[in-house]
Protein backbone atom coordinates (compact mmCIF):
# COMPACT_ATOMS: atom_id res chain seq x y z
CA MET A 1 180.66 90.63 59.73
CA ALA A 2 180.22 86.99 60.46
CA PRO A 3 176.61 85.99 61.80
CA PRO A 4 176.52 85.21 65.36
CA GLU A 5 177.38 81.62 66.34
CA VAL A 6 173.89 79.81 67.32
CA THR A 7 173.65 76.50 69.43
CA PHE A 8 170.52 74.78 70.21
CA SER A 9 169.61 73.07 73.56
CA LYS A 10 166.74 72.43 75.87
CA ALA A 11 166.07 74.95 78.75
CA PRO A 12 164.85 73.10 81.82
CA LYS A 13 161.64 74.07 83.60
CA LEU A 14 162.38 76.88 86.02
CA LEU A 15 160.54 78.51 88.98
CA VAL A 16 161.12 82.19 89.06
CA ALA A 17 160.51 85.34 91.06
CA TYR A 18 159.94 88.06 88.69
CA ALA A 19 159.07 91.76 88.45
CA GLU A 20 157.06 93.37 85.34
CA GLN A 21 158.35 96.37 83.58
CA ARG A 22 156.64 98.74 81.20
CA GLY A 23 158.99 101.31 79.40
CA PRO A 24 162.45 101.67 78.03
CA TYR A 25 164.43 98.54 78.36
CA SER A 26 167.38 100.42 79.53
CA ARG A 27 165.50 100.52 82.81
CA ILE A 28 165.39 96.85 83.50
CA GLY A 29 168.55 96.89 85.61
CA GLU A 30 166.94 98.91 88.23
CA THR A 31 164.00 96.35 88.24
CA MET A 32 166.34 93.51 88.43
CA LYS A 33 168.35 95.27 91.54
CA ARG A 34 165.02 95.65 93.34
CA LEU A 35 164.10 91.92 92.57
CA LYS A 36 167.42 90.80 93.74
CA GLU A 37 167.20 93.03 96.94
CA TRP A 38 163.66 91.57 97.75
CA ILE A 39 164.51 87.89 97.45
CA ASP A 40 167.46 88.35 99.65
CA GLN A 41 165.63 90.28 102.11
CA LYS A 42 162.97 87.21 102.22
CA GLY A 43 165.81 84.78 102.42
CA ILE A 44 164.91 82.98 99.10
CA GLU A 45 167.36 80.73 97.83
CA GLN A 46 168.43 81.74 94.25
CA VAL A 47 169.13 78.59 92.19
CA GLY A 48 170.56 80.07 88.76
CA TYR A 49 171.52 83.19 86.92
CA PRO A 50 169.26 86.21 86.50
CA PHE A 51 167.56 87.01 83.14
CA CYS A 52 165.11 89.28 81.71
CA MET A 53 162.45 88.45 79.11
CA PHE A 54 161.81 90.95 76.50
CA TYR A 55 158.38 90.95 74.91
CA ASP A 56 158.44 93.40 72.15
CA ASN A 57 160.72 94.50 69.18
CA PRO A 58 162.15 98.13 70.36
CA THR A 59 162.30 99.19 66.44
CA GLU A 60 158.58 98.80 66.15
CA THR A 61 157.15 99.50 69.64
CA PRO A 62 157.34 102.97 71.41
CA ALA A 63 159.97 102.87 74.37
CA SER A 64 156.87 103.79 76.70
CA GLU A 65 155.09 100.76 75.69
CA LEU A 66 157.94 98.08 75.82
CA ARG A 67 157.22 95.18 78.13
CA SER A 68 160.06 93.29 79.94
CA ASP A 69 160.22 90.77 83.17
CA ALA A 70 163.36 90.72 85.41
CA CYS A 71 163.49 87.03 86.69
CA ILE A 72 165.65 85.26 89.07
CA PRO A 73 165.29 81.37 89.53
CA VAL A 74 164.33 80.38 92.89
CA ALA A 75 164.09 77.30 95.07
CA LYS A 76 160.57 78.12 96.59
CA THR A 77 157.90 80.60 96.59
CA VAL A 78 156.45 82.79 99.10
CA GLU A 79 153.51 85.12 99.25
CA SER A 80 153.71 87.65 96.44
CA GLN A 81 154.35 91.13 97.52
CA GLY A 82 154.24 94.42 95.77
CA GLU A 83 155.68 94.21 91.99
CA VAL A 84 157.11 90.70 92.94
CA LYS A 85 155.59 87.74 91.68
CA PHE A 86 156.12 84.20 90.93
CA LYS A 87 155.71 81.93 87.84
CA ASP A 88 156.81 78.39 86.51
CA LEU A 89 158.46 78.55 82.92
CA GLY A 90 158.29 75.40 81.42
CA GLU A 91 160.79 73.13 79.75
CA VAL A 92 161.39 74.54 76.07
CA ASP A 93 163.71 74.15 73.09
CA ILE A 94 165.99 77.22 72.77
CA ALA A 95 168.22 78.69 70.30
CA GLU A 96 171.36 80.61 72.11
CA THR A 97 173.86 83.22 71.00
CA ARG A 98 175.93 85.83 72.75
CA HIS A 99 176.05 89.42 72.56
CA GLU A 100 179.17 91.47 73.37
CA GLY A 101 178.93 95.25 73.51
CA PRO A 102 176.77 97.96 74.61
CA PRO A 103 173.11 98.04 74.52
CA GLU A 104 173.03 100.39 71.66
CA GLU A 105 174.28 97.72 69.42
CA PHE A 106 171.71 94.98 70.28
CA ALA A 107 170.43 95.09 66.77
CA ARG A 108 173.72 93.73 65.24
CA THR A 109 173.23 90.48 67.26
CA TYR A 110 169.51 90.25 67.50
CA GLY A 111 168.85 90.79 63.73
CA PRO A 112 171.18 88.25 62.13
CA PHE A 113 170.23 85.88 64.95
CA LEU A 114 166.59 86.03 64.69
CA GLY A 115 166.54 86.31 60.95
CA ARG A 116 168.79 83.05 60.69
CA LEU A 117 166.39 81.18 62.90
CA LEU A 118 163.44 82.32 60.73
CA GLU A 119 165.15 81.45 57.47
CA GLN A 120 165.92 77.89 58.74
CA GLY A 121 162.51 77.14 59.34
CA TYR A 122 162.15 77.90 62.94
CA ARG A 123 159.12 79.51 64.88
CA LEU A 124 159.89 81.92 67.67
CA GLU A 125 157.99 80.89 70.79
CA GLY A 126 157.58 83.67 73.44
CA PRO A 127 160.11 86.34 74.44
CA ALA A 128 163.68 86.03 74.35
CA ARG A 129 165.42 85.59 77.57
CA GLU A 130 168.70 87.44 78.17
CA TYR A 131 171.13 85.89 80.61
CA PHE A 132 173.32 88.16 82.92
CA MET A 133 176.77 86.61 83.18
CA SER A 134 177.01 87.20 86.99
CA VAL A 135 174.76 85.85 89.58
CA SER A 136 175.76 88.38 92.41
CA ASP A 137 176.68 91.40 90.48
CA VAL A 138 173.82 92.48 88.20
CA LYS A 139 174.78 95.56 86.24
CA GLY A 140 172.05 95.37 83.79
CA PRO A 141 171.69 95.02 80.08
CA GLY A 142 174.77 95.49 77.96
CA SER A 143 177.31 94.14 80.69
CA GLY A 144 177.59 90.81 78.63
CA PHE A 145 174.99 88.36 78.23
CA VAL A 146 173.61 85.30 76.48
CA ILE A 147 170.42 85.50 74.31
CA ARG A 148 168.06 82.33 74.60
CA GLN A 149 165.50 82.38 72.23
CA PRO A 150 162.40 79.83 72.62
CA VAL A 151 161.98 78.00 69.31
CA SER A 152 159.90 75.22 67.64
CA LYS A 153 160.57 73.71 64.01
CA LYS A 154 157.86 74.53 61.67
């Protein structure tokens, strides 16, 4: 199998509404749906594609302890409420690749992608960001997405 194609660019500064989740990554779609419903109810303008941030390696961390954030770029903040909060994500250099296929096949993309970055002398700077391919129809992980990994050169 050919290694995943990797491109490099700069991710701009973003203001995001987000909801934290602890537990199996397969549940992040439910968290994203609740977040999307909340920002729509509040009339907050969405200004980019929804994405999720994944903090832990699921091959090393028990499913019940996995940490992730569902994120939606927004134009402004309002008062945080319940599980929804806001944060600024700074501009960052990123390496990007695409995953096609079901969630059970993540390792076939992530392993070669991250391994190649490390072999080329990059340092992983924070959690991977998985971008959903549709703004209006969030189906959850595995529906086709882009993986964007913040990096810096060693």
